Amino acid sequence: MKKESTTKIADPWASQPESEETPDTAVAPEDLEITVTVDDLRPEPHVSTGIEYSLAGLQADFPSAKELEQFVFDETSVSLRLKGIDPLKKYEIALAVLRNETIDPKYITGANPYVDNTELIPEDPLRAIPPRDPRLPTEEPMSIFHDMTVPHPDRDMRQLDARVTCQFKKYKDGSISFEIIGPLERHAVGEKLDKYGRSRPEKIVWIDPRTGEQAIRYADGQFSRMGQRLRTLMESKRVNKNSSIWTTWIDRDFTAFTQDAVDNPWN
């Protein structure tokens, strides 16, 4: 029986010095919708039930801000932030919401008043994507190639044989770039017991391999340090005996053409 041989794929990230890493910057995820107005925070316009609420009634029935917030939320689906403000003012705000009147949006929050924030699992924010290499051309690339077998830059993820999607672009002046575009993953870190004795993570962190578009080779033929390692990796991936992924799909040769041939190839 013929024994199958396995080739170990080079790890382009292994010896990358820490000084080259881009510092993390907290940003909000791009796909999250940011609420900026009172209407955005109201699930639906409040429909009056015909009940005549009063300050005295609210003060008698709901002595604490939390109870008042929960009652307003049950009646109107509006979440208020009333803790720590003037005792009379918080009842005036609640009464205005119950009467479907406009209030200052700073008192409205998207949080559920029934949720204990101290029991929420904290989540680290996404870091900023590193900026594009300014030495790369601004024109459209001549070719784009995606490879989903590049080893993950994160050491712990590499131990799990995780891979990333890497996008390669070649430009008319000979420049070649790469960009890791994903995947993004949320991982639980640590373990602790909540007040009910249940085990839960200490926090949630993002495993974010995104790099922004960076240079492999510049127009003058010079390779970046990371570019040299990625070229070696992609040359080790064979398409056939005579060519590799690098020569076939990334550093492709394009024949010269005239505009007439582009406009009408049949002449």
C-alpha atoms as a PDB file:
ATOM      1  CA  MET A   1       0.000   0.000   0.000  1.00  0.00           C
ATOM      2  CA  LYS A   2       1.314   3.418  -0.930  1.00  0.00           C
ATOM      3  CA  LYS A   3       1.960   5.539   2.124  1.00  0.00           C
ATOM      4  CA  GLU A   4       0.587   9.051   1.917  1.00  0.00           C
ATOM      5  CA  SER A   5       3.070  11.764   2.726  1.00  0.00           C
ATOM      6  CA  THR A   6       2.134  14.872   4.647  1.00  0.00           C
ATOM      7  CA  THR A   7       3.847  18.222   4.222  1.00  0.00           C
ATOM      8  CA  LYS A   8       3.978  20.568   7.174  1.00  0.00           C
ATOM      9  CA  ILE A   9       2.820  24.045   6.195  1.00  0.00           C
ATOM     10  CA  ALA A  10       5.143  26.821   7.232  1.00  0.00           C
ATOM     11  CA  ASP A  11       3.893  29.203   9.890  1.00  0.00           C
ATOM     12  CA  PRO A  12       4.387  32.773   8.621  1.00  0.00           C
ATOM     13  CA  TRP A  13       3.524  34.342  11.972  1.00  0.00           C
ATOM     14  CA  ALA A  14       5.742  32.312  14.350  1.00  0.00           C
ATOM     15  CA  SER A  15       8.747  34.609  14.684  1.00  0.00           C
ATOM     16  CA  GLN A  16       7.008  37.914  14.158  1.00  0.00           C
ATOM     17  CA  PRO A  17       8.412  40.327  16.799  1.00  0.00           C
ATOM     18  CA  GLU A  18       6.024  41.918  19.245  1.00  0.00           C
ATOM     19  CA  SER A  19       7.160  45.396  18.203  1.00  0.00           C
ATOM     20  CA  GLU A  20       5.463  44.934  14.820  1.00  0.00           C
ATOM     21  CA  GLU A  21       2.067  44.290  16.320  1.00  0.00           C
ATOM     22  CA  THR A  22      -0.484  47.050  15.986  1.00  0.00           C
ATOM     23  CA  PRO A  23      -1.756  48.266  19.379  1.00  0.00           C
ATOM     24  CA  ASP A  24      -5.380  47.553  20.070  1.00  0.00           C
ATOM     25  CA  THR A  25      -7.791  50.465  20.052  1.00  0.00           C
ATOM     26  CA  ALA A  26     -11.308  50.119  21.391  1.00  0.00           C
ATOM     27  CA  VAL A  27     -13.972  50.696  18.785  1.00  0.00           C
ATOM     28  CA  ALA A  28     -17.584  49.767  18.477  1.00  0.00           C
ATOM     29  CA  PRO A  29     -18.337  46.874  16.081  1.00  0.00           C
ATOM     30  CA  GLU A  30     -19.132  48.226  12.623  1.00  0.00           C
ATOM     31  CA  ASP A  31     -22.303  46.220  12.258  1.00  0.00           C
ATOM     32  CA  LEU A  32     -23.918  47.467  15.473  1.00  0.00           C
ATOM     33  CA  GLU A  33     -26.609  50.124  15.132  1.00  0.00           C
ATOM     34  CA  ILE A  34     -25.941  53.134  17.345  1.00  0.00           C
ATOM     35  CA  THR A  35     -28.992  54.674  18.994  1.00  0.00           C
ATOM     36  CA  VAL A  36     -28.923  58.454  19.019  1.00  0.00           C
ATOM     37  CA  THR A  37     -32.491  59.673  19.366  1.00  0.00           C
ATOM     38  CA  VAL A  38     -35.416  59.219  21.705  1.00  0.00           C
ATOM     39  CA  ASP A  39     -37.442  57.570  18.936  1.00  0.00           C
ATOM     40  CA  ASP A  40     -34.714  54.989  18.385  1.00  0.00           C
ATOM     41  CA  LEU A  41     -34.946  54.017  22.042  1.00  0.00           C
ATOM     42  CA  ARG A  42     -38.727  53.679  22.048  1.00  0.00           C
ATOM     43  CA  PRO A  43     -39.758  50.226  20.763  1.00  0.00           C
ATOM     44  CA  GLU A  44     -43.214  51.554  19.875  1.00  0.00           C
ATOM     45  CA  PRO A  45     -45.132  54.770  20.455  1.00  0.00           C
ATOM     46  CA  HIS A  46     -46.894  54.542  23.779  1.00  0.00           C
ATOM     47  CA  VAL A  47     -50.640  54.157  23.470  1.00  0.00           C
ATOM     48  CA  SER A  48     -52.496  55.724  26.366  1.00  0.00           C
ATOM     49  CA  THR A  49     -54.499  53.290  28.462  1.00  0.00           C
ATOM     50  CA  GLY A  50     -56.763  56.053  29.714  1.00  0.00           C
ATOM     51  CA  ILE A  51     -55.444  55.731  33.260  1.00  0.00           C
ATOM     52  CA  GLU A  52     -54.811  59.086  34.949  1.00  0.00           C
ATOM     53  CA  TYR A  53     -51.411  58.790  36.629  1.00  0.00           C
ATOM     54  CA  SER A  54     -50.323  61.278  39.274  1.00  0.00           C
ATOM     55  CA  LEU A  55     -47.150  62.194  41.116  1.00  0.00           C
ATOM     56  CA  ALA A  56     -48.700  61.279  44.460  1.00  0.00           C
ATOM     57  CA  GLY A  57     -49.763  57.887  43.161  1.00  0.00           C
ATOM     58  CA  LEU A  58     -46.339  57.067  41.744  1.00  0.00           C
ATOM     59  CA  GLN A  59     -44.589  58.206  44.927  1.00  0.00           C
ATOM     60  CA  ALA A  60     -46.857  56.073  47.081  1.00  0.00           C
ATOM     61  CA  ASP A  61     -46.639  52.905  44.980  1.00  0.00           C
ATOM     62  CA  PHE A  62     -42.976  53.003  43.879  1.00  0.00           C
ATOM     63  CA  PRO A  63     -40.665  54.252  46.631  1.00  0.00           C
ATOM     64  CA  SER A  64     -37.422  53.244  44.836  1.00  0.00           C
ATOM     65  CA  ALA A  65     -36.020  54.312  41.477  1.00  0.00           C
ATOM     66  CA  LYS A  66     -35.661  50.693  40.362  1.00  0.00           C
ATOM     67  CA  GLU A  67     -39.313  49.913  41.020  1.00  0.00           C
ATOM     68  CA  LEU A  68     -40.326  53.099  39.198  1.00  0.00           C
ATOM     69  CA  GLU A  69     -38.122  52.229  36.200  1.00  0.00           C
ATOM     70  CA  GLN A  70     -39.617  48.741  36.017  1.00  0.00           C
ATOM     71  CA  PHE A  71     -43.200  50.043  36.183  1.00  0.00           C
ATOM     72  CA  VAL A  72     -42.602  52.594  33.397  1.00  0.00           C
ATOM     73  CA  PHE A  73     -40.932  49.887  31.314  1.00  0.00           C
ATOM     74  CA  ASP A  74     -43.891  47.526  31.803  1.00  0.00           C
ATOM     75  CA  GLU A  75     -46.377  50.230  30.832  1.00  0.00           C
ATOM     76  CA  THR A  76     -44.552  51.922  27.961  1.00  0.00           C
ATOM     77  CA  SER A  77     -41.540  49.744  26.974  1.00  0.00           C
ATOM     78  CA  VAL A  78     -39.352  52.789  27.639  1.00  0.00           C
ATOM     79  CA  SER A  79     -36.242  52.245  29.768  1.00  0.00           C
ATOM     80  CA  LEU A  80     -35.398  55.145  32.062  1.00  0.00           C
ATOM     81  CA  ARG A  81     -32.275  56.062  34.002  1.00  0.00           C
ATOM     82  CA  LEU A  82     -33.602  57.535  37.237  1.00  0.00           C
ATOM     83  CA  LYS A  83     -31.160  56.486  39.948  1.00  0.00           C
ATOM     84  CA  GLY A  84     -29.303  59.290  41.699  1.00  0.00           C
ATOM     85  CA  ILE A  85     -31.330  62.247  40.429  1.00  0.00           C
ATOM     86  CA  ASP A  86     -33.586  64.621  42.365  1.00  0.00           C
ATOM     87  CA  PRO A  87     -36.370  62.585  44.093  1.00  0.00           C
ATOM     88  CA  LEU A  88     -39.175  64.766  42.779  1.00  0.00           C
ATOM     89  CA  LYS A  89     -37.704  65.097  39.289  1.00  0.00           C
ATOM     90  CA  LYS A  90     -37.531  61.336  38.722  1.00  0.00           C
ATOM     91  CA  TYR A  91     -41.288  61.048  39.388  1.00  0.00           C
ATOM     92  CA  GLU A  92     -41.945  63.969  37.058  1.00  0.00           C
ATOM     93  CA  ILE A  93     -39.939  62.247  34.319  1.00  0.00           C
ATOM     94  CA  ALA A  94     -41.755  58.959  34.830  1.00  0.00           C
ATOM     95  CA  LEU A  95     -45.123  60.709  34.781  1.00  0.00           C
ATOM     96  CA  ALA A  96     -44.239  62.492  31.526  1.00  0.00           C
ATOM     97  CA  VAL A  97     -43.373  59.175  29.855  1.00  0.00           C
ATOM     98  CA  LEU A  98     -46.588  57.567  31.114  1.00  0.00           C
ATOM     99  CA  ARG A  99     -48.514  60.503  29.606  1.00  0.00           C
ATOM    100  CA  ASN A 100     -46.613  60.048  26.297  1.00  0.00           C
ATOM    101  CA  GLU A 101     -44.897  63.416  26.627  1.00  0.00           C
ATOM    102  CA  THR A 102     -41.415  64.240  25.320  1.00  0.00           C
ATOM    103  CA  ILE A 103     -38.553  64.134  27.827  1.00  0.00           C
ATOM    104  CA  ASP A 104     -34.819  64.822  27.692  1.00  0.00           C
ATOM    105  CA  PRO A 105     -33.205  61.818  25.898  1.00  0.00           C
ATOM    106  CA  LYS A 106     -30.399  61.695  28.470  1.00  0.00           C
ATOM    107  CA  TYR A 107     -32.847  59.995  30.856  1.00  0.00           C
ATOM    108  CA  ILE A 108     -33.621  57.201  28.358  1.00  0.00           C
ATOM    109  CA  THR A 109     -31.475  54.087  28.095  1.00  0.00           C
ATOM    110  CA  GLY A 110     -31.738  50.899  26.064  1.00  0.00           C
ATOM    111  CA  ALA A 111     -31.055  48.737  29.132  1.00  0.00           C
ATOM    112  CA  ASN A 112     -33.663  46.393  30.554  1.00  0.00           C
ATOM    113  CA  PRO A 113     -34.448  47.529  34.139  1.00  0.00           C
ATOM    114  CA  TYR A 114     -35.039  43.915  35.186  1.00  0.00           C
ATOM    115  CA  VAL A 115     -31.492  42.875  34.268  1.00  0.00           C
ATOM    116  CA  ASP A 116     -28.872  43.053  37.010  1.00  0.00           C
ATOM    117  CA  ASN A 117     -25.895  44.665  35.280  1.00  0.00           C
ATOM    118  CA  THR A 118     -23.527  43.255  37.885  1.00  0.00           C
ATOM    119  CA  GLU A 119     -24.381  39.774  36.607  1.00  0.00           C
ATOM    120  CA  LEU A 120     -23.688  40.585  32.967  1.00  0.00           C
ATOM    121  CA  ILE A 121     -20.560  39.022  31.467  1.00  0.00           C
ATOM    122  CA  PRO A 122     -18.229  41.861  30.384  1.00  0.00           C
ATOM    123  CA  GLU A 123     -17.074  41.833  26.765  1.00  0.00           C
ATOM    124  CA  ASP A 124     -13.899  43.399  25.414  1.00  0.00           C
ATOM    125  CA  PRO A 125     -14.458  45.861  22.557  1.00  0.00           C
ATOM    126  CA  LEU A 126     -13.239  45.151  19.041  1.00  0.00           C
ATOM    127  CA  ARG A 127      -9.868  46.642  18.194  1.00  0.00           C
ATOM    128  CA  ALA A 128      -9.378  49.024  15.305  1.00  0.00           C
ATOM    129  CA  ILE A 129      -8.332  47.517  11.979  1.00  0.00           C
ATOM    130  CA  PRO A 130      -4.727  48.575  11.225  1.00  0.00           C
ATOM    131  CA  PRO A 131      -4.471  51.270   8.531  1.00  0.00           C
ATOM    132  CA  ARG A 132      -3.720  50.409   4.909  1.00  0.00           C
ATOM    133  CA  ASP A 133      -0.069  50.589   3.872  1.00  0.00           C
ATOM    134  CA  PRO A 134       0.271  54.080   2.303  1.00  0.00           C
ATOM    135  CA  ARG A 135       2.924  52.864  -0.173  1.00  0.00           C
ATOM    136  CA  LEU A 136       0.397  50.661  -1.957  1.00  0.00           C
ATOM    137  CA  PRO A 137      -1.289  52.000  -5.124  1.00  0.00           C
ATOM    138  CA  THR A 138      -4.730  53.576  -4.856  1.00  0.00           C
ATOM    139  CA  GLU A 139      -5.918  52.160  -8.194  1.00  0.00           C
ATOM    140  CA  GLU A 140      -8.046  49.051  -8.602  1.00  0.00           C
ATOM    141  CA  PRO A 141      -6.110  45.755  -8.439  1.00  0.00           C
ATOM    142  CA  MET A 142      -5.626  43.619 -11.542  1.00  0.00           C
ATOM    143  CA  SER A 143      -6.394  40.410  -9.671  1.00  0.00           C
ATOM    144  CA  ILE A 144      -7.773  39.290  -6.301  1.00  0.00           C
ATOM    145  CA  PHE A 145      -7.240  35.846  -4.790  1.00  0.00           C
ATOM    146  CA  HIS A 146      -8.649  34.444  -1.529  1.00  0.00           C
ATOM    147  CA  ASP A 147      -6.955  31.641   0.383  1.00  0.00           C
ATOM    148  CA  MET A 148      -8.647  30.077   3.421  1.00  0.00           C
ATOM    149  CA  THR A 149      -5.788  27.822   4.536  1.00  0.00           C
ATOM    150  CA  VAL A 150      -3.338  30.372   5.977  1.00  0.00           C
ATOM    151  CA  PRO A 151      -2.400  29.521   9.604  1.00  0.00           C
ATOM    152  CA  HIS A 152      -4.003  31.742  12.242  1.00  0.00           C
ATOM    153  CA  PRO A 153      -1.755  34.567  13.584  1.00  0.00           C
ATOM    154  CA  ASP A 154      -2.860  33.849  17.177  1.00  0.00           C
ATOM    155  CA  ARG A 155      -0.612  31.227  18.793  1.00  0.00           C
ATOM    156  CA  ASP A 156      -3.383  29.537  20.776  1.00  0.00           C
ATOM    157  CA  MET A 157      -5.578  29.334  17.681  1.00  0.00           C
ATOM    158  CA  ARG A 158      -2.706  27.827  15.662  1.00  0.00           C
ATOM    159  CA  GLN A 159      -2.420  25.065  18.239  1.00  0.00           C
ATOM    160  CA  LEU A 160      -6.024  24.222  17.350  1.00  0.00           C
ATOM    161  CA  ASP A 161      -5.037  24.196  13.654  1.00  0.00           C
ATOM    162  CA  ALA A 162      -7.239  27.239  13.029  1.00  0.00           C
ATOM    163  CA  ARG A 163      -7.016  28.986   9.656  1.00  0.00           C
ATOM    164  CA  VAL A 164      -7.847  32.471   8.424  1.00  0.00           C
ATOM    165  CA  THR A 165      -9.127  33.908   5.161  1.00  0.00           C
ATOM    166  CA  CYS A 166      -6.379  35.909   3.492  1.00  0.00           C
ATOM    167  CA  GLN A 167      -6.993  38.162   0.503  1.00  0.00           C
ATOM    168  CA  PHE A 168      -4.165  38.782  -1.973  1.00  0.00           C
ATOM    169  CA  LYS A 169      -4.183  41.600  -4.536  1.00  0.00           C
ATOM    170  CA  LYS A 170      -1.830  42.339  -7.420  1.00  0.00           C
ATOM    171  CA  TYR A 171      -1.611  45.832  -8.933  1.00  0.00           C
ATOM    172  CA  LYS A 172      -0.562  47.069 -12.353  1.00  0.00           C
ATOM    173  CA  ASP A 173       2.786  48.419 -11.077  1.00  0.00           C
ATOM    174  CA  GLY A 174       3.734  44.979  -9.717  1.00  0.00           C
ATOM    175  CA  SER A 175       2.801  45.631  -6.097  1.00  0.00           C
ATOM    176  CA  ILE A 176       1.235  42.732  -4.203  1.00  0.00           C
ATOM    177  CA  SER A 177      -0.712  43.057  -0.942  1.00  0.00           C
ATOM    178  CA  PHE A 178      -2.347  40.798   1.611  1.00  0.00           C
ATOM    179  CA  GLU A 179      -5.168  41.299   4.078  1.00  0.00           C
ATOM    180  CA  ILE A 180      -6.567  38.896   6.652  1.00  0.00           C
ATOM    181  CA  ILE A 181     -10.321  39.506   6.638  1.00  0.00           C
ATOM    182  CA  GLY A 182     -11.485  36.989   9.223  1.00  0.00           C
ATOM    183  CA  PRO A 183     -12.965  35.134  10.900  1.00  0.00           C
ATOM    184  CA  LEU A 184     -13.855  37.046  14.064  1.00  0.00           C
ATOM    185  CA  GLU A 185     -14.568  34.838  17.080  1.00  0.00           C
ATOM    186  CA  ARG A 186     -15.829  35.465  20.613  1.00  0.00           C
ATOM    187  CA  HIS A 187     -14.147  33.370  23.302  1.00  0.00           C
ATOM    188  CA  ALA A 188     -14.994  32.951  26.968  1.00  0.00           C
ATOM    189  CA  VAL A 189     -12.086  33.584  29.327  1.00  0.00           C
ATOM    190  CA  GLY A 190     -11.787  32.492  32.947  1.00  0.00           C
ATOM    191  CA  GLU A 191     -14.480  31.130  35.224  1.00  0.00           C
ATOM    192  CA  LYS A 192     -16.289  32.336  38.325  1.00  0.00           C
ATOM    193  CA  LEU A 193     -19.481  31.700  40.270  1.00  0.00           C
ATOM    194  CA  ASP A 194     -22.396  34.104  40.189  1.00  0.00           C
ATOM    195  CA  LYS A 195     -24.556  34.919  43.227  1.00  0.00           C
ATOM    196  CA  TYR A 196     -26.648  31.812  42.531  1.00  0.00           C
ATOM    197  CA  GLY A 197     -23.611  29.524  42.563  1.00  0.00           C
ATOM    198  CA  ARG A 198     -23.626  28.963  38.803  1.00  0.00           C
ATOM    199  CA  SER A 199     -20.380  28.826  36.877  1.00  0.00           C
ATOM    200  CA  ARG A 200     -19.898  31.481  34.207  1.00  0.00           C
ATOM    201  CA  PRO A 201     -17.014  33.089  32.246  1.00  0.00           C
ATOM    202  CA  GLU A 202     -15.186  36.039  33.741  1.00  0.00           C
ATOM    203  CA  LYS A 203     -15.344  37.900  30.422  1.00  0.00           C
ATOM    204  CA  ILE A 204     -15.721  37.546  26.673  1.00  0.00           C
ATOM    205  CA  VAL A 205     -12.811  38.452  24.387  1.00  0.00           C
ATOM    206  CA  TRP A 206     -12.593  38.831  20.612  1.00  0.00           C
ATOM    207  CA  ILE A 207     -10.088  36.806  18.620  1.00  0.00           C
ATOM    208  CA  ASP A 208      -9.566  39.296  15.812  1.00  0.00           C
ATOM    209  CA  PRO A 209      -6.948  38.406  13.157  1.00  0.00           C
ATOM    210  CA  ARG A 210      -7.785  41.287  10.779  1.00  0.00           C
ATOM    211  CA  THR A 211      -4.721  43.119   9.471  1.00  0.00           C
ATOM    212  CA  GLY A 212      -5.932  45.762   7.042  1.00  0.00           C
ATOM    213  CA  GLU A 213      -4.301  45.770   3.596  1.00  0.00           C
ATOM    214  CA  GLN A 214      -0.533  45.429   3.967  1.00  0.00           C
ATOM    215  CA  ALA A 215       2.267  45.132   1.422  1.00  0.00           C
ATOM    216  CA  ILE A 216       3.928  41.902   0.364  1.00  0.00           C
ATOM    217  CA  ARG A 217       5.897  43.457  -2.502  1.00  0.00           C
ATOM    218  CA  TYR A 218       6.249  47.105  -3.456  1.00  0.00           C
ATOM    219  CA  ALA A 219       6.420  48.569  -6.961  1.00  0.00           C
ATOM    220  CA  ASP A 220      10.263  48.641  -6.826  1.00  0.00           C
ATOM    221  CA  GLY A 221      10.345  44.872  -6.247  1.00  0.00           C
ATOM    222  CA  GLN A 222      11.242  45.113  -2.566  1.00  0.00           C
ATOM    223  CA  PHE A 223       9.480  42.625  -0.271  1.00  0.00           C
ATOM    224  CA  SER A 224       8.321  43.487   3.214  1.00  0.00           C
ATOM    225  CA  ARG A 225       9.461  41.206   6.021  1.00  0.00           C
ATOM    226  CA  MET A 226       5.986  39.699   6.381  1.00  0.00           C
ATOM    227  CA  GLY A 227       5.732  39.555   2.598  1.00  0.00           C
ATOM    228  CA  GLN A 228       8.792  37.335   2.339  1.00  0.00           C
ATOM    229  CA  ARG A 229       7.311  34.867   4.800  1.00  0.00           C
ATOM    230  CA  LEU A 230       3.908  34.812   3.106  1.00  0.00           C
ATOM    231  CA  ARG A 231       5.494  34.306  -0.309  1.00  0.00           C
ATOM    232  CA  THR A 232       7.412  31.321   1.082  1.00  0.00           C
ATOM    233  CA  LEU A 233       4.196  29.914   2.522  1.00  0.00           C
ATOM    234  CA  MET A 234       2.210  30.294  -0.691  1.00  0.00           C
ATOM    235  CA  GLU A 235       5.050  28.895  -2.811  1.00  0.00           C
ATOM    236  CA  SER A 236       4.936  25.752  -0.641  1.00  0.00           C
ATOM    237  CA  LYS A 237       1.301  25.210  -1.667  1.00  0.00           C
ATOM    238  CA  ARG A 238       1.463  23.384  -4.998  1.00  0.00           C
ATOM    239  CA  VAL A 239      -1.037  23.557  -7.832  1.00  0.00           C
ATOM    240  CA  ASN A 240       0.884  20.968  -9.865  1.00  0.00           C
ATOM    241  CA  LYS A 241       4.489  19.837 -10.290  1.00  0.00           C
ATOM    242  CA  ASN A 242       5.507  22.989 -12.103  1.00  0.00           C
ATOM    243  CA  SER A 243       3.625  25.758 -10.339  1.00  0.00           C
ATOM    244  CA  SER A 244       2.490  26.946  -6.928  1.00  0.00           C
ATOM    245  CA  ILE A 245      -0.421  29.025  -5.682  1.00  0.00           C
ATOM    246  CA  TRP A 246       1.943  31.989  -5.565  1.00  0.00           C
ATOM    247  CA  THR A 247       2.890  31.872  -9.257  1.00  0.00           C
ATOM    248  CA  THR A 248      -0.511  30.686 -10.521  1.00  0.00           C
ATOM    249  CA  TRP A 249      -2.952  32.870  -8.592  1.00  0.00           C
ATOM    250  CA  ILE A 250      -1.115  35.614  -6.698  1.00  0.00           C
ATOM    251  CA  ASP A 251       1.902  36.810  -8.714  1.00  0.00           C
ATOM    252  CA  ARG A 252       0.180  36.298 -12.048  1.00  0.00           C
ATOM    253  CA  ASP A 253       1.584  37.537 -15.351  1.00  0.00           C
ATOM    254  CA  PHE A 254      -0.826  39.620 -17.419  1.00  0.00           C
ATOM    255  CA  THR A 255      -0.375  40.164 -21.150  1.00  0.00           C
ATOM    256  CA  ALA A 256      -0.383  43.707 -22.490  1.00  0.00           C
ATOM    257  CA  PHE A 257      -3.536  44.818 -24.233  1.00  0.00           C
ATOM    258  CA  THR A 258      -4.878  47.716 -26.225  1.00  0.00           C
ATOM    259  CA  GLN A 259      -8.054  49.605 -25.489  1.00  0.00           C
ATOM    260  CA  ASP A 260      -9.494  48.512 -28.868  1.00  0.00           C
ATOM    261  CA  ALA A 261      -9.219  44.872 -27.834  1.00  0.00           C
ATOM    262  CA  VAL A 262     -10.958  45.611 -24.573  1.00  0.00           C
ATOM    263  CA  ASP A 263     -13.782  47.473 -26.279  1.00  0.00           C
ATOM    264  CA  ASN A 264     -14.251  44.907 -29.054  1.00  0.00           C
ATOM    265  CA  PRO A 265     -12.282  41.627 -28.965  1.00  0.00           C
ATOM    266  CA  TRP A 266     -13.878  40.397 -32.246  1.00  0.00           C
ATOM    267  CA  ASN A 267     -12.140  42.736 -34.687  1.00  0.00           C
END
